[in-house]
C-alpha atoms as a PDB file:
ATOM      1  CA  UNK A   1       0.000   0.000   0.000  1.00  0.00           C
ATOM      2  CA  UNK A   2       1.659   3.161  -1.135  1.00  0.00           C
ATOM      3  CA  UNK A   3       0.170   6.560  -0.576  1.00  0.00           C
ATOM      4  CA  UNK A   4       1.144   9.704  -2.447  1.00  0.00           C
ATOM      5  CA  UNK A   5       3.318  11.865  -0.239  1.00  0.00           C
ATOM      6  CA  UNK A   6       0.951  14.835  -0.097  1.00  0.00           C
ATOM      7  CA  UNK A   7      -2.119  12.706   0.561  1.00  0.00           C
ATOM      8  CA  UNK A   8      -0.868  10.221   3.122  1.00  0.00           C
ATOM      9  CA  UNK A   9      -3.266  11.606   5.737  1.00  0.00           C
ATOM     10  CA  UNK A  10      -6.528  12.131   3.926  1.00  0.00           C
ATOM     11  CA  UNK A  11      -7.813  12.819   0.460  1.00  0.00           C
ATOM     12  CA  UNK A  12     -10.781  14.730   1.880  1.00  0.00           C
ATOM     13  CA  UNK A  13     -10.546  18.513   1.573  1.00  0.00           C
ATOM     14  CA  UNK A  14     -12.107  20.381   4.492  1.00  0.00           C
ATOM     15  CA  UNK A  15     -13.933  23.461   3.269  1.00  0.00           C
ATOM     16  CA  UNK A  16     -13.572  26.272   5.796  1.00  0.00           C
ATOM     17  CA  UNK A  17     -14.856  29.270   3.840  1.00  0.00           C
ATOM     18  CA  UNK A  18     -17.025  30.258   0.893  1.00  0.00           C
ATOM     19  CA  UNK A  19     -13.807  31.146  -0.946  1.00  0.00           C
ATOM     20  CA  UNK A  20     -12.333  27.666  -0.515  1.00  0.00           C
ATOM     21  CA  UNK A  21     -15.662  26.134  -1.629  1.00  0.00           C
ATOM     22  CA  UNK A  22     -15.688  28.314  -4.755  1.00  0.00           C
ATOM     23  CA  UNK A  23     -12.039  27.525  -5.488  1.00  0.00           C
ATOM     24  CA  UNK A  24     -12.349  23.722  -5.277  1.00  0.00           C
ATOM     25  CA  UNK A  25     -15.817  23.640  -6.833  1.00  0.00           C
ATOM     26  CA  UNK A  26     -14.744  25.752  -9.832  1.00  0.00           C
ATOM     27  CA  UNK A  27     -11.454  23.916 -10.290  1.00  0.00           C
ATOM     28  CA  UNK A  28     -13.127  20.479 -10.302  1.00  0.00           C
ATOM     29  CA  UNK A  29     -15.986  21.669 -12.508  1.00  0.00           C
ATOM     30  CA  UNK A  30     -13.579  23.178 -15.051  1.00  0.00           C
ATOM     31  CA  UNK A  31     -11.560  19.948 -15.120  1.00  0.00           C
ATOM     32  CA  UNK A  32     -14.665  17.767 -15.474  1.00  0.00           C
ATOM     33  CA  UNK A  33     -13.889  16.086 -12.162  1.00  0.00           C
ATOM     34  CA  UNK A  34     -16.814  14.593 -10.224  1.00  0.00           C
ATOM     35  CA  UNK A  35     -17.282  16.011  -6.720  1.00  0.00           C
ATOM     36  CA  UNK A  36     -18.567  14.190  -3.628  1.00  0.00           C
ATOM     37  CA  UNK A  37     -19.506  16.477  -0.740  1.00  0.00           C
ATOM     38  CA  UNK A  38     -20.253  15.482   2.861  1.00  0.00           C
ATOM     39  CA  UNK A  39     -22.205  18.144   4.745  1.00  0.00           C
ATOM     40  CA  UNK A  40     -21.633  17.511   8.420  1.00  0.00           C
ATOM     41  CA  UNK A  41     -21.966  19.093  11.864  1.00  0.00           C
ATOM     42  CA  UNK A  42     -19.880  18.418  14.960  1.00  0.00           C
ATOM     43  CA  UNK A  43     -23.031  18.005  17.091  1.00  0.00           C
ATOM     44  CA  UNK A  44     -24.601  15.453  14.732  1.00  0.00           C
ATOM     45  CA  UNK A  45     -23.537  11.957  15.822  1.00  0.00           C
ATOM     46  CA  UNK A  46     -24.478  10.219  12.523  1.00  0.00           C
ATOM     47  CA  UNK A  47     -22.398  12.822  10.652  1.00  0.00           C
ATOM     48  CA  UNK A  48     -19.416  12.355  12.946  1.00  0.00           C
ATOM     49  CA  UNK A  49     -19.589   8.560  12.640  1.00  0.00           C
ATOM     50  CA  UNK A  50     -19.527   8.912   8.832  1.00  0.00           C
ATOM     51  CA  UNK A  51     -16.266  10.925   8.822  1.00  0.00           C
ATOM     52  CA  UNK A  52     -13.837   7.954   8.895  1.00  0.00           C
ATOM     53  CA  UNK A  53     -15.957   6.120   6.325  1.00  0.00           C
ATOM     54  CA  UNK A  54     -15.954   9.183   4.066  1.00  0.00           C
ATOM     55  CA  UNK A  55     -12.129   9.249   4.255  1.00  0.00           C
ATOM     56  CA  UNK A  56     -12.099   5.569   3.261  1.00  0.00           C
ATOM     57  CA  UNK A  57     -14.311   6.324   0.272  1.00  0.00           C
ATOM     58  CA  UNK A  58     -12.010   9.174  -0.770  1.00  0.00           C
ATOM     59  CA  UNK A  59      -9.094   6.732  -0.851  1.00  0.00           C
ATOM     60  CA  UNK A  60     -11.117   4.143  -2.761  1.00  0.00           C
ATOM     61  CA  UNK A  61     -12.453   6.543  -5.404  1.00  0.00           C
ATOM     62  CA  UNK A  62      -9.475   8.645  -6.436  1.00  0.00           C
ATOM     63  CA  UNK A  63     -11.139   9.859  -9.650  1.00  0.00           C
ATOM     64  CA  UNK A  64     -13.383  12.200  -7.643  1.00  0.00           C
ATOM     65  CA  UNK A  65     -12.799  15.231  -5.445  1.00  0.00           C
ATOM     66  CA  UNK A  66     -14.056  14.650  -1.885  1.00  0.00           C
ATOM     67  CA  UNK A  67     -15.044  17.721   0.125  1.00  0.00           C
ATOM     68  CA  UNK A  68     -16.370  18.009   3.641  1.00  0.00           C
ATOM     69  CA  UNK A  69     -18.339  21.041   4.816  1.00  0.00           C
ATOM     70  CA  UNK A  70     -19.264  21.724   8.432  1.00  0.00           C
ATOM     71  CA  UNK A  71     -22.620  23.490   8.126  1.00  0.00           C
ATOM     72  CA  UNK A  72     -21.971  25.569  11.232  1.00  0.00           C
ATOM     73  CA  UNK A  73     -18.599  26.807   9.945  1.00  0.00           C
ATOM     74  CA  UNK A  74     -19.707  27.569   6.386  1.00  0.00           C
ATOM     75  CA  UNK A  75     -23.450  28.243   6.633  1.00  0.00           C
ATOM     76  CA  UNK A  76     -23.544  30.104   3.327  1.00  0.00           C
ATOM     77  CA  UNK A  77     -22.435  27.029   1.360  1.00  0.00           C
ATOM     78  CA  UNK A  78     -24.976  24.815   3.129  1.00  0.00           C
ATOM     79  CA  UNK A  79     -27.702  27.353   2.333  1.00  0.00           C
ATOM     80  CA  UNK A  80     -26.566  27.701  -1.271  1.00  0.00           C
ATOM     81  CA  UNK A  81     -26.677  23.911  -1.730  1.00  0.00           C
ATOM     82  CA  UNK A  82     -30.049  23.662   0.079  1.00  0.00           C
ATOM     83  CA  UNK A  83     -28.753  21.340   2.783  1.00  0.00           C
ATOM     84  CA  UNK A  84     -31.306  21.021   5.568  1.00  0.00           C
ATOM     85  CA  UNK A  85     -30.277  17.804   7.370  1.00  0.00           C
ATOM     86  CA  UNK A  86     -27.042  16.112   8.378  1.00  0.00           C
ATOM     87  CA  UNK A  87     -25.388  14.149   7.110  1.00  0.00           C
ATOM     88  CA  UNK A  88     -26.116  15.092   3.503  1.00  0.00           C
ATOM     89  CA  UNK A  89     -24.006  13.805   0.639  1.00  0.00           C
ATOM     90  CA  UNK A  90     -24.040  15.517  -2.743  1.00  0.00           C
ATOM     91  CA  UNK A  91     -22.715  13.930  -5.920  1.00  0.00           C
ATOM     92  CA  UNK A  92     -21.916  16.726  -8.358  1.00  0.00           C
ATOM     93  CA  UNK A  93     -20.749  16.907 -11.946  1.00  0.00           C
ATOM     94  CA  UNK A  94     -20.449  19.859 -14.293  1.00  0.00           C
ATOM     95  CA  UNK A  95     -21.455  22.304 -11.574  1.00  0.00           C
ATOM     96  CA  UNK A  96     -24.789  20.647 -10.817  1.00  0.00           C
ATOM     97  CA  UNK A  97     -26.058  18.200  -8.222  1.00  0.00           C
ATOM     98  CA  UNK A  98     -26.557  14.798  -9.829  1.00  0.00           C
ATOM     99  CA  UNK A  99     -27.665  13.075  -6.657  1.00  0.00           C
ATOM    100  CA  UNK A 100     -28.447  14.001  -3.045  1.00  0.00           C
ATOM    101  CA  UNK A 101     -28.320  11.431  -0.241  1.00  0.00           C
ATOM    102  CA  UNK A 102     -29.536  12.305   3.246  1.00  0.00           C
ATOM    103  CA  UNK A 103     -28.658  10.130   6.225  1.00  0.00           C
ATOM    104  CA  UNK A 104     -25.872   7.847   7.378  1.00  0.00           C
ATOM    105  CA  UNK A 105     -26.202   4.716   5.247  1.00  0.00           C
ATOM    106  CA  UNK A 106     -22.640   3.588   4.418  1.00  0.00           C
ATOM    107  CA  UNK A 107     -23.565   0.756   2.035  1.00  0.00           C
ATOM    108  CA  UNK A 108     -25.956   2.893  -0.002  1.00  0.00           C
ATOM    109  CA  UNK A 109     -23.521   5.800  -0.137  1.00  0.00           C
ATOM    110  CA  UNK A 110     -20.709   3.534  -1.369  1.00  0.00           C
ATOM    111  CA  UNK A 111     -22.997   2.000  -3.996  1.00  0.00           C
ATOM    112  CA  UNK A 112     -24.149   5.401  -5.279  1.00  0.00           C
ATOM    113  CA  UNK A 113     -20.627   6.863  -5.320  1.00  0.00           C
ATOM    114  CA  UNK A 114     -19.340   3.786  -7.137  1.00  0.00           C
ATOM    115  CA  UNK A 115     -22.030   4.085  -9.841  1.00  0.00           C
ATOM    116  CA  UNK A 116     -21.486   7.868 -10.034  1.00  0.00           C
ATOM    117  CA  UNK A 117     -17.698   7.627 -10.440  1.00  0.00           C
ATOM    118  CA  UNK A 118     -17.983   4.746 -12.929  1.00  0.00           C
ATOM    119  CA  UNK A 119     -20.419   6.772 -15.063  1.00  0.00           C
ATOM    120  CA  UNK A 120     -17.935   9.670 -15.125  1.00  0.00           C
ATOM    121  CA  UNK A 121     -14.902   7.677 -16.208  1.00  0.00           C
ATOM    122  CA  UNK A 122     -13.820   8.698 -19.660  1.00  0.00           C
ATOM    123  CA  UNK A 123     -11.114   7.186 -21.747  1.00  0.00           C
ATOM    124  CA  UNK A 124      -7.838   9.064 -21.588  1.00  0.00           C
ATOM    125  CA  UNK A 125      -5.701   9.087 -24.730  1.00  0.00           C
END
């Protein structure tokens, strides 16, 4: 098991401001990279229990950008994305939400992310 030097801790990017959201969102959208977002809150036990699993998924699906947003830290992003419950997972492509999953259901989330990432794989010359 070899991990890239920069990513040996986690492949999940923690969004801490509207600016960082816009930066990563725009960069991934412009590159055609699928985005998986976990909206979480420190007081929400199901959200907190999903954090290690989300990191696992980020390692398993390296073709996608994995972001985590604490709704209390970056309320504006949660409002913009119409997140009303935690945990909420958004699967995004081309700047739009393709799928929204609410709740902590690890098997279903893995299945949906797998299908989502597979559908976004394109052949590289």
